[in-house]
Amino acid sequence: MRRMQHWHPPRSVQLWMLWATHGGAGWLWWMVGGLVWWLGGDSRRRALCAEGLAAASAILVFQVVKRITGRRRPCDLEPHCWSRLLPPDRFSFPSGHALAAFAVAIALGSFYPSAWGPLLFCAASVAVSRVVLGMHFLSDVLAGAVAGSAIGYASYLVAR
């Protein structure tokens, strides 16, 4: 983690990570939902139901687990970040951004297999950004990605 904390990425990577982390806070998934509504075909309503269920479930899970674990963020333990972002809350485990991103990506990707690549790229970008920006440890985003994937698939099964 120390290497990551002292790494100063190129400007293009900085912009990508900032875009990904802000997108992972919600607006990216609203935009994707709009595209599904517009272009989603016959499964759009079920897909949007799965997306909403996945997002709501992810938020509930990470809020509860963060309060139970109470793990401090890397930026609190060793301030370093070139981005100067403020964390959205006090606790680190699991990454809510990664959890929600993978939940939504898996839920929608299950309805639209041709969209797997872009959806997983966006979700992975969100997860990586949280480590690069010093908001989370790698284990936080891995746990978020695994839990989010399970929630996303369960949401798909409920909505299909």
N, C-alpha and C. Protein backbone atom coordinates (compact mmCIF):
# COMPACT_ATOMS: atom_id res chain seq x y z
N MET A 1 0.82 -1.19 0.00
CA MET A 1 0.00 0.00 0.00
C MET A 1 0.87 1.25 0.00
N ARG A 2 2.01 1.18 0.66
CA ARG A 2 2.88 2.37 0.70
C ARG A 2 3.34 2.80 -0.69
N ARG A 3 3.66 1.83 -1.54
CA ARG A 3 4.06 2.19 -2.90
C ARG A 3 2.95 2.93 -3.61
N MET A 4 1.74 2.45 -3.46
CA MET A 4 0.60 3.09 -4.11
C MET A 4 0.40 4.49 -3.54
N GLN A 5 0.59 4.63 -2.24
CA GLN A 5 0.37 5.92 -1.59
C GLN A 5 1.36 6.98 -2.06
N HIS A 6 2.53 6.57 -2.47
CA HIS A 6 3.55 7.54 -2.88
C HIS A 6 3.72 7.62 -4.39
N TRP A 7 2.88 6.91 -5.12
CA TRP A 7 2.94 6.92 -6.58
C TRP A 7 2.24 8.16 -7.10
N HIS A 8 2.86 8.84 -8.03
CA HIS A 8 2.25 10.00 -8.68
C HIS A 8 2.00 9.64 -10.13
N PRO A 9 0.78 9.21 -10.44
CA PRO A 9 0.47 8.73 -11.79
C PRO A 9 0.48 9.86 -12.81
N PRO A 10 0.61 9.52 -14.08
CA PRO A 10 0.52 10.53 -15.14
C PRO A 10 -0.84 11.23 -15.09
N ARG A 11 -0.89 12.41 -15.64
CA ARG A 11 -2.12 13.22 -15.61
C ARG A 11 -3.31 12.46 -16.21
N SER A 12 -3.10 11.71 -17.27
CA SER A 12 -4.20 10.97 -17.89
C SER A 12 -4.78 9.92 -16.93
N VAL A 13 -3.92 9.26 -16.17
CA VAL A 13 -4.38 8.27 -15.19
C VAL A 13 -5.10 8.97 -14.05
N GLN A 14 -4.58 10.11 -13.62
CA GLN A 14 -5.25 10.88 -12.57
C GLN A 14 -6.67 11.24 -12.98
N LEU A 15 -6.83 11.74 -14.20
CA LEU A 15 -8.16 12.13 -14.68
C LEU A 15 -9.09 10.93 -14.77
N TRP A 16 -8.57 9.80 -15.27
CA TRP A 16 -9.36 8.58 -15.37
C TRP A 16 -9.83 8.13 -13.98
N MET A 17 -8.92 8.13 -13.00
CA MET A 17 -9.26 7.69 -11.66
C MET A 17 -10.28 8.63 -11.01
N LEU A 18 -10.11 9.93 -11.21
CA LEU A 18 -11.07 10.89 -10.65
C LEU A 18 -12.44 10.73 -11.30
N TRP A 19 -12.44 10.56 -12.63
CA TRP A 19 -13.71 10.35 -13.33
C TRP A 19 -14.39 9.08 -12.83
N ALA A 20 -13.62 8.01 -12.70
CA ALA A 20 -14.18 6.73 -12.27
C ALA A 20 -14.74 6.81 -10.86
N THR A 21 -14.03 7.44 -9.96
CA THR A 21 -14.51 7.49 -8.58
C THR A 21 -15.75 8.36 -8.45
N HIS A 22 -15.80 9.46 -9.18
CA HIS A 22 -17.01 10.30 -9.14
C HIS A 22 -18.17 9.59 -9.83
N GLY A 23 -17.89 8.92 -10.94
CA GLY A 23 -18.93 8.16 -11.63
C GLY A 23 -19.48 7.04 -10.75
N GLY A 24 -18.59 6.41 -10.00
CA GLY A 24 -19.00 5.33 -9.11
C GLY A 24 -19.84 5.79 -7.95
N ALA A 25 -19.87 7.09 -7.70
CA ALA A 25 -20.70 7.63 -6.63
C ALA A 25 -22.18 7.65 -7.02
N GLY A 26 -22.48 7.32 -8.27
CA GLY A 26 -23.88 7.18 -8.65
C GLY A 26 -24.25 7.68 -10.02
N TRP A 27 -23.68 8.79 -10.45
CA TRP A 27 -24.16 9.37 -11.72
C TRP A 27 -23.90 8.46 -12.90
N LEU A 28 -22.81 7.71 -12.92
CA LEU A 28 -22.53 6.79 -14.03
C LEU A 28 -23.65 5.76 -14.18
N TRP A 29 -24.12 5.24 -13.05
CA TRP A 29 -25.14 4.19 -13.09
C TRP A 29 -26.51 4.76 -13.44
N TRP A 30 -26.77 6.02 -13.09
CA TRP A 30 -27.99 6.68 -13.55
C TRP A 30 -27.95 6.84 -15.07
N MET A 31 -26.78 7.22 -15.58
CA MET A 31 -26.62 7.38 -17.02
C MET A 31 -26.82 6.04 -17.74
N VAL A 32 -26.23 4.99 -17.20
CA VAL A 32 -26.40 3.65 -17.79
C VAL A 32 -27.88 3.25 -17.74
N GLY A 33 -28.54 3.54 -16.63
CA GLY A 33 -29.97 3.25 -16.52
C GLY A 33 -30.77 3.99 -17.59
N GLY A 34 -30.40 5.23 -17.87
CA GLY A 34 -31.06 5.99 -18.94
C GLY A 34 -30.86 5.34 -20.29
N LEU A 35 -29.66 4.84 -20.54
CA LEU A 35 -29.39 4.13 -21.80
C LEU A 35 -30.22 2.85 -21.89
N VAL A 36 -30.34 2.15 -20.77
CA VAL A 36 -31.15 0.93 -20.77
C VAL A 36 -32.61 1.28 -21.06
N TRP A 37 -33.11 2.35 -20.45
CA TRP A 37 -34.49 2.76 -20.69
C TRP A 37 -34.70 3.10 -22.17
N TRP A 38 -33.72 3.74 -22.75
CA TRP A 38 -33.83 4.20 -24.14
C TRP A 38 -33.62 3.07 -25.14
N LEU A 39 -32.60 2.23 -24.88
CA LEU A 39 -32.19 1.22 -25.86
C LEU A 39 -32.41 -0.22 -25.40
N GLY A 40 -33.00 -0.41 -24.24
CA GLY A 40 -33.02 -1.73 -23.60
C GLY A 40 -33.96 -2.78 -24.15
N GLY A 41 -34.78 -2.42 -25.09
CA GLY A 41 -35.66 -3.42 -25.70
C GLY A 41 -36.71 -3.96 -24.73
N ASP A 42 -37.13 -5.19 -25.00
CA ASP A 42 -38.22 -5.80 -24.23
C ASP A 42 -37.87 -6.06 -22.77
N SER A 43 -36.59 -6.23 -22.45
CA SER A 43 -36.24 -6.52 -21.05
C SER A 43 -35.92 -5.29 -20.23
N ARG A 44 -36.16 -4.11 -20.78
CA ARG A 44 -35.73 -2.89 -20.08
C ARG A 44 -36.32 -2.76 -18.68
N ARG A 45 -37.60 -3.04 -18.53
CA ARG A 45 -38.22 -2.87 -17.20
C ARG A 45 -37.62 -3.84 -16.18
N ARG A 46 -37.46 -5.08 -16.58
CA ARG A 46 -36.85 -6.06 -15.66
C ARG A 46 -35.40 -5.70 -15.36
N ALA A 47 -34.67 -5.25 -16.38
CA ALA A 47 -33.27 -4.87 -16.18
C ALA A 47 -33.16 -3.68 -15.24
N LEU A 48 -34.02 -2.69 -15.41
CA LEU A 48 -33.99 -1.52 -14.53
C LEU A 48 -34.42 -1.89 -13.11
N CYS A 49 -35.34 -2.83 -13.00
CA CYS A 49 -35.73 -3.32 -11.68
C CYS A 49 -34.53 -4.00 -11.01
N ALA A 50 -33.82 -4.82 -11.76
CA ALA A 50 -32.62 -5.48 -11.23
C ALA A 50 -31.56 -4.46 -10.85
N GLU A 51 -31.37 -3.44 -11.69
CA GLU A 51 -30.38 -2.40 -11.39
C GLU A 51 -30.73 -1.68 -10.10
N GLY A 52 -31.99 -1.29 -9.96
CA GLY A 52 -32.43 -0.60 -8.74
C GLY A 52 -32.30 -1.46 -7.51
N LEU A 53 -32.71 -2.72 -7.62
CA LEU A 53 -32.59 -3.65 -6.50
C LEU A 53 -31.13 -3.88 -6.13
N ALA A 54 -30.28 -4.03 -7.13
CA ALA A 54 -28.85 -4.23 -6.88
C ALA A 54 -28.24 -3.02 -6.19
N ALA A 55 -28.55 -1.83 -6.67
CA ALA A 55 -27.99 -0.61 -6.08
C ALA A 55 -28.48 -0.42 -4.65
N ALA A 56 -29.77 -0.58 -4.42
CA ALA A 56 -30.32 -0.41 -3.07
C ALA A 56 -29.76 -1.45 -2.11
N SER A 57 -29.67 -2.69 -2.55
CA SER A 57 -29.12 -3.75 -1.70
C SER A 57 -27.65 -3.50 -1.39
N ALA A 58 -26.90 -3.06 -2.39
CA ALA A 58 -25.48 -2.77 -2.19
C ALA A 58 -25.29 -1.67 -1.16
N ILE A 59 -26.09 -0.62 -1.27
CA ILE A 59 -25.98 0.49 -0.31
C ILE A 59 -26.29 0.01 1.10
N LEU A 60 -27.35 -0.76 1.25
CA LEU A 60 -27.71 -1.28 2.56
C LEU A 60 -26.59 -2.14 3.13
N VAL A 61 -26.06 -3.05 2.32
CA VAL A 61 -25.00 -3.95 2.79
C VAL A 61 -23.76 -3.18 3.20
N PHE A 62 -23.28 -2.26 2.36
CA PHE A 62 -22.03 -1.60 2.74
C PHE A 62 -22.22 -0.67 3.93
N GLN A 63 -23.38 -0.05 4.07
CA GLN A 63 -23.61 0.81 5.24
C GLN A 63 -23.55 -0.01 6.54
N VAL A 64 -24.19 -1.16 6.54
CA VAL A 64 -24.21 -2.01 7.73
C VAL A 64 -22.82 -2.57 8.02
N VAL A 65 -22.17 -3.14 7.00
CA VAL A 65 -20.87 -3.78 7.22
C VAL A 65 -19.81 -2.76 7.63
N LYS A 66 -19.82 -1.58 7.04
CA LYS A 66 -18.84 -0.55 7.43
C LYS A 66 -18.98 -0.20 8.91
N ARG A 67 -20.20 -0.08 9.39
CA ARG A 67 -20.40 0.26 10.80
C ARG A 67 -19.97 -0.88 11.73
N ILE A 68 -20.16 -2.10 11.27
CA ILE A 68 -19.76 -3.25 12.09
C ILE A 68 -18.24 -3.37 12.15
N THR A 69 -17.57 -3.25 11.00
CA THR A 69 -16.12 -3.46 10.97
C THR A 69 -15.35 -2.25 11.48
N GLY A 70 -15.77 -1.05 11.15
CA GLY A 70 -15.11 0.16 11.63
C GLY A 70 -13.66 0.32 11.19
N ARG A 71 -13.29 -0.26 10.08
CA ARG A 71 -11.90 -0.20 9.61
C ARG A 71 -11.56 1.21 9.11
N ARG A 72 -10.44 1.72 9.58
CA ARG A 72 -10.00 3.06 9.15
C ARG A 72 -9.49 3.02 7.73
N ARG A 73 -9.58 4.17 7.08
CA ARG A 73 -9.14 4.30 5.69
C ARG A 73 -7.62 4.49 5.62
N PRO A 74 -7.01 4.05 4.50
CA PRO A 74 -5.57 4.25 4.35
C PRO A 74 -5.17 5.72 4.40
N CYS A 75 -6.01 6.60 3.87
CA CYS A 75 -5.68 8.02 3.87
C CYS A 75 -5.74 8.60 5.28
N ASP A 76 -6.42 7.94 6.22
CA ASP A 76 -6.41 8.37 7.61
C ASP A 76 -5.16 7.89 8.33
N LEU A 77 -4.68 6.73 7.93
CA LEU A 77 -3.50 6.14 8.57
C LEU A 77 -2.21 6.79 8.10
N GLU A 78 -2.16 7.13 6.82
CA GLU A 78 -0.98 7.78 6.26
C GLU A 78 -1.42 8.71 5.13
N PRO A 79 -1.71 9.96 5.45
CA PRO A 79 -2.17 10.90 4.42
C PRO A 79 -1.13 11.05 3.31
N HIS A 80 -1.60 11.06 2.07
CA HIS A 80 -0.65 11.07 0.96
C HIS A 80 -1.25 11.55 -0.33
N CYS A 81 -2.52 11.51 -0.45
CA CYS A 81 -3.17 11.49 -1.74
C CYS A 81 -2.97 12.76 -2.55
N TRP A 82 -2.59 12.58 -3.81
CA TRP A 82 -2.42 13.70 -4.73
C TRP A 82 -3.75 14.30 -5.13
N SER A 83 -4.83 13.58 -4.95
CA SER A 83 -6.13 14.05 -5.45
C SER A 83 -6.82 15.01 -4.49
N ARG A 84 -6.52 14.94 -3.23
CA ARG A 84 -7.12 15.80 -2.21
C ARG A 84 -8.63 15.59 -2.08
N LEU A 85 -9.09 14.39 -2.40
CA LEU A 85 -10.50 14.06 -2.22
C LEU A 85 -10.78 13.80 -0.75
N LEU A 86 -11.97 14.16 -0.34
CA LEU A 86 -12.40 13.82 1.00
C LEU A 86 -13.20 12.52 0.94
N PRO A 87 -12.97 11.61 1.88
CA PRO A 87 -13.72 10.36 1.87
C PRO A 87 -15.21 10.63 2.12
N PRO A 88 -16.09 9.83 1.53
CA PRO A 88 -17.52 10.04 1.72
C PRO A 88 -18.02 9.65 3.11
N ASP A 89 -17.25 8.83 3.82
CA ASP A 89 -17.60 8.44 5.19
C ASP A 89 -16.31 8.07 5.92
N ARG A 90 -16.44 7.61 7.16
CA ARG A 90 -15.25 7.37 7.97
C ARG A 90 -14.59 6.01 7.74
N PHE A 91 -15.36 5.05 7.28
CA PHE A 91 -14.85 3.68 7.31
C PHE A 91 -14.50 3.14 5.93
N SER A 92 -13.64 2.13 5.93
CA SER A 92 -13.02 1.65 4.70
C SER A 92 -13.59 0.33 4.19
N PHE A 93 -13.93 -0.60 5.07
CA PHE A 93 -14.29 -1.96 4.65
C PHE A 93 -15.78 -2.20 4.73
N PRO A 94 -16.37 -2.64 3.63
CA PRO A 94 -15.87 -2.81 2.27
C PRO A 94 -16.00 -1.52 1.48
N SER A 95 -15.47 -1.50 0.29
CA SER A 95 -15.63 -0.33 -0.57
C SER A 95 -17.06 -0.28 -1.10
N GLY A 96 -17.79 0.75 -0.70
CA GLY A 96 -19.15 0.92 -1.19
C GLY A 96 -19.20 1.21 -2.67
N HIS A 97 -18.20 1.98 -3.15
CA HIS A 97 -18.14 2.27 -4.59
C HIS A 97 -17.99 0.97 -5.39
N ALA A 98 -17.05 0.11 -4.96
CA ALA A 98 -16.82 -1.15 -5.68
C ALA A 98 -18.03 -2.07 -5.56
N LEU A 99 -18.60 -2.14 -4.37
CA LEU A 99 -19.74 -3.01 -4.14
C LEU A 99 -20.90 -2.61 -5.06
N ALA A 100 -21.25 -1.34 -5.07
CA ALA A 100 -22.36 -0.88 -5.90
C ALA A 100 -22.05 -1.01 -7.39
N ALA A 101 -20.81 -0.70 -7.77
CA ALA A 101 -20.44 -0.77 -9.18
C ALA A 101 -20.56 -2.19 -9.72
N PHE A 102 -20.05 -3.16 -8.98
CA PHE A 102 -20.15 -4.54 -9.44
C PHE A 102 -21.57 -5.07 -9.34
N ALA A 103 -22.33 -4.65 -8.34
CA ALA A 103 -23.72 -5.09 -8.24
C ALA A 103 -24.51 -4.65 -9.47
N VAL A 104 -24.38 -3.39 -9.84
CA VAL A 104 -25.10 -2.87 -11.01
C VAL A 104 -24.58 -3.49 -12.30
N ALA A 105 -23.26 -3.60 -12.43
CA ALA A 105 -22.67 -4.16 -13.66
C ALA A 105 -23.10 -5.60 -13.88
N ILE A 106 -23.09 -6.41 -12.83
CA ILE A 106 -23.47 -7.82 -12.97
C ILE A 106 -24.97 -7.93 -13.25
N ALA A 107 -25.79 -7.15 -12.55
CA ALA A 107 -27.24 -7.20 -12.78
C ALA A 107 -27.57 -6.85 -14.23
N LEU A 108 -27.00 -5.76 -14.73
CA LEU A 108 -27.30 -5.35 -16.10
C LEU A 108 -26.63 -6.25 -17.14
N GLY A 109 -25.41 -6.66 -16.87
CA GLY A 109 -24.70 -7.54 -17.80
C GLY A 109 -25.39 -8.89 -17.97
N SER A 110 -26.10 -9.33 -16.93
CA SER A 110 -26.84 -10.58 -17.03
C SER A 110 -28.02 -10.46 -17.98
N PHE A 111 -28.58 -9.28 -18.10
CA PHE A 111 -29.66 -9.04 -19.06
C PHE A 111 -29.13 -8.76 -20.46
N TYR A 112 -27.98 -8.10 -20.53
CA TYR A 112 -27.42 -7.68 -21.82
C TYR A 112 -25.98 -8.19 -21.95
N PRO A 113 -25.80 -9.45 -22.34
CA PRO A 113 -24.46 -10.04 -22.43
C PRO A 113 -23.50 -9.27 -23.33
N SER A 114 -24.01 -8.61 -24.35
CA SER A 114 -23.11 -7.85 -25.24
C SER A 114 -22.52 -6.63 -24.53
N ALA A 115 -23.08 -6.25 -23.39
CA ALA A 115 -22.58 -5.09 -22.65
C ALA A 115 -21.62 -5.47 -21.53
N TRP A 116 -21.31 -6.77 -21.38
CA TRP A 116 -20.41 -7.21 -20.31
C TRP A 116 -19.10 -6.42 -20.29
N GLY A 117 -18.46 -6.31 -21.44
CA GLY A 117 -17.15 -5.65 -21.49
C GLY A 117 -17.18 -4.23 -20.95
N PRO A 118 -18.01 -3.34 -21.51
CA PRO A 118 -18.05 -1.97 -21.00
C PRO A 118 -18.50 -1.88 -19.54
N LEU A 119 -19.47 -2.70 -19.15
CA LEU A 119 -19.94 -2.65 -17.77
C LEU A 119 -18.85 -3.07 -16.79
N LEU A 120 -18.14 -4.16 -17.10
CA LEU A 120 -17.07 -4.61 -16.21
C LEU A 120 -15.88 -3.66 -16.23
N PHE A 121 -15.61 -3.05 -17.38
CA PHE A 121 -14.55 -2.04 -17.44
C PHE A 121 -14.88 -0.87 -16.51
N CYS A 122 -16.11 -0.40 -16.56
CA CYS A 122 -16.52 0.70 -15.68
C CYS A 122 -16.44 0.30 -14.21
N ALA A 123 -16.95 -0.88 -13.87
CA ALA A 123 -16.92 -1.34 -12.48
C ALA A 123 -15.49 -1.51 -11.99
N ALA A 124 -14.63 -2.11 -12.81
CA ALA A 124 -13.23 -2.30 -12.42
C ALA A 124 -12.52 -0.95 -12.28
N SER A 125 -12.83 -0.01 -13.16
CA SER A 125 -12.23 1.33 -13.06
C SER A 125 -12.61 2.00 -11.75
N VAL A 126 -13.88 1.87 -11.37
CA VAL A 126 -14.33 2.44 -10.11
C VAL A 126 -13.56 1.80 -8.95
N ALA A 127 -13.46 0.48 -8.96
CA ALA A 127 -12.78 -0.23 -7.87
C ALA A 127 -11.30 0.16 -7.79
N VAL A 128 -10.61 0.16 -8.92
CA VAL A 128 -9.18 0.52 -8.93
C VAL A 128 -8.99 1.96 -8.47
N SER A 129 -9.89 2.83 -8.86
CA SER A 129 -9.75 4.24 -8.48
C SER A 129 -9.75 4.43 -6.98
N ARG A 130 -10.49 3.60 -6.27
CA ARG A 130 -10.58 3.75 -4.82
C ARG A 130 -9.25 3.42 -4.15
N VAL A 131 -8.49 2.48 -4.73
CA VAL A 131 -7.17 2.16 -4.19
C VAL A 131 -6.17 3.23 -4.60
N VAL A 132 -6.17 3.60 -5.88
CA VAL A 132 -5.22 4.59 -6.38
C VAL A 132 -5.39 5.93 -5.66
N LEU A 133 -6.63 6.29 -5.33
CA LEU A 133 -6.89 7.56 -4.65
C LEU A 133 -6.67 7.50 -3.15
N GLY A 134 -6.31 6.32 -2.63
CA GLY A 134 -6.00 6.19 -1.21
C GLY A 134 -7.21 6.10 -0.31
N MET A 135 -8.37 5.84 -0.87
CA MET A 135 -9.59 5.75 -0.07
C MET A 135 -9.78 4.37 0.53
N HIS A 136 -9.17 3.34 -0.10
CA HIS A 136 -9.38 1.96 0.33
C HIS A 136 -8.12 1.13 0.19
N PHE A 137 -8.05 0.09 1.01
CA PHE A 137 -7.06 -0.96 0.84
C PHE A 137 -7.55 -1.89 -0.27
N LEU A 138 -6.63 -2.64 -0.86
CA LEU A 138 -7.00 -3.57 -1.91
C LEU A 138 -8.05 -4.57 -1.42
N SER A 139 -7.90 -5.04 -0.19
CA SER A 139 -8.88 -6.00 0.35
C SER A 139 -10.28 -5.40 0.43
N ASP A 140 -10.38 -4.10 0.65
CA ASP A 140 -11.69 -3.44 0.70
C ASP A 140 -12.40 -3.53 -0.65
N VAL A 141 -11.66 -3.24 -1.73
CA VAL A 141 -12.30 -3.26 -3.05
C VAL A 141 -12.53 -4.69 -3.54
N LEU A 142 -11.65 -5.61 -3.19
CA LEU A 142 -11.89 -7.01 -3.57
C LEU A 142 -13.14 -7.55 -2.88
N ALA A 143 -13.28 -7.26 -1.59
CA ALA A 143 -14.48 -7.69 -0.86
C ALA A 143 -15.73 -7.03 -1.45
N GLY A 144 -15.62 -5.74 -1.78
CA GLY A 144 -16.74 -5.04 -2.39
C GLY A 144 -17.11 -5.63 -3.74
N ALA A 145 -16.11 -5.98 -4.54
CA ALA A 145 -16.37 -6.55 -5.87
C ALA A 145 -17.04 -7.92 -5.76
N VAL A 146 -16.58 -8.74 -4.83
CA VAL A 146 -17.17 -10.08 -4.66
C VAL A 146 -18.60 -9.97 -4.14
N ALA A 147 -18.79 -9.18 -3.08
CA ALA A 147 -20.14 -9.02 -2.53
C ALA A 147 -21.07 -8.37 -3.54
N GLY A 148 -20.57 -7.37 -4.25
CA GLY A 148 -21.38 -6.70 -5.27
C GLY A 148 -21.77 -7.64 -6.39
N SER A 149 -20.85 -8.50 -6.80
CA SER A 149 -21.16 -9.47 -7.85
C SER A 149 -22.27 -10.42 -7.41
N ALA A 150 -22.21 -10.87 -6.16
CA ALA A 150 -23.25 -11.77 -5.64
C ALA A 150 -24.60 -11.05 -5.57
N ILE A 151 -24.59 -9.82 -5.11
CA ILE A 151 -25.82 -9.04 -5.03
C ILE A 151 -26.38 -8.79 -6.43
N GLY A 152 -25.51 -8.45 -7.36
CA GLY A 152 -25.95 -8.20 -8.73
C GLY A 152 -26.59 -9.42 -9.36
N TYR A 153 -25.98 -10.58 -9.17
CA TYR A 153 -26.54 -11.79 -9.76
C TYR A 153 -27.86 -12.16 -9.08
N ALA A 154 -27.92 -12.01 -7.76
CA ALA A 154 -29.17 -12.28 -7.05
C ALA A 154 -30.27 -11.34 -7.52
N SER A 155 -29.93 -10.09 -7.76
CA SER A 155 -30.92 -9.12 -8.26
C SER A 155 -31.41 -9.51 -9.64
N TYR A 156 -30.51 -9.99 -10.47
CA TYR A 156 -30.90 -10.48 -11.80
C TYR A 156 -31.88 -11.65 -11.67
N LEU A 157 -31.56 -12.60 -10.78
CA LEU A 157 -32.43 -13.76 -10.61
C LEU A 157 -33.83 -13.36 -10.13
N VAL A 158 -33.90 -12.39 -9.25
CA VAL A 158 -35.19 -11.92 -8.75
C VAL A 158 -35.99 -11.23 -9.85
N ALA A 159 -35.32 -10.43 -10.67
CA ALA A 159 -36.01 -9.59 -11.65
C ALA A 159 -36.30 -10.27 -12.98
N ARG A 160 -35.61 -11.35 -13.29
CA ARG A 160 -35.78 -11.95 -14.63
C ARG A 160 -37.11 -12.58 -14.74
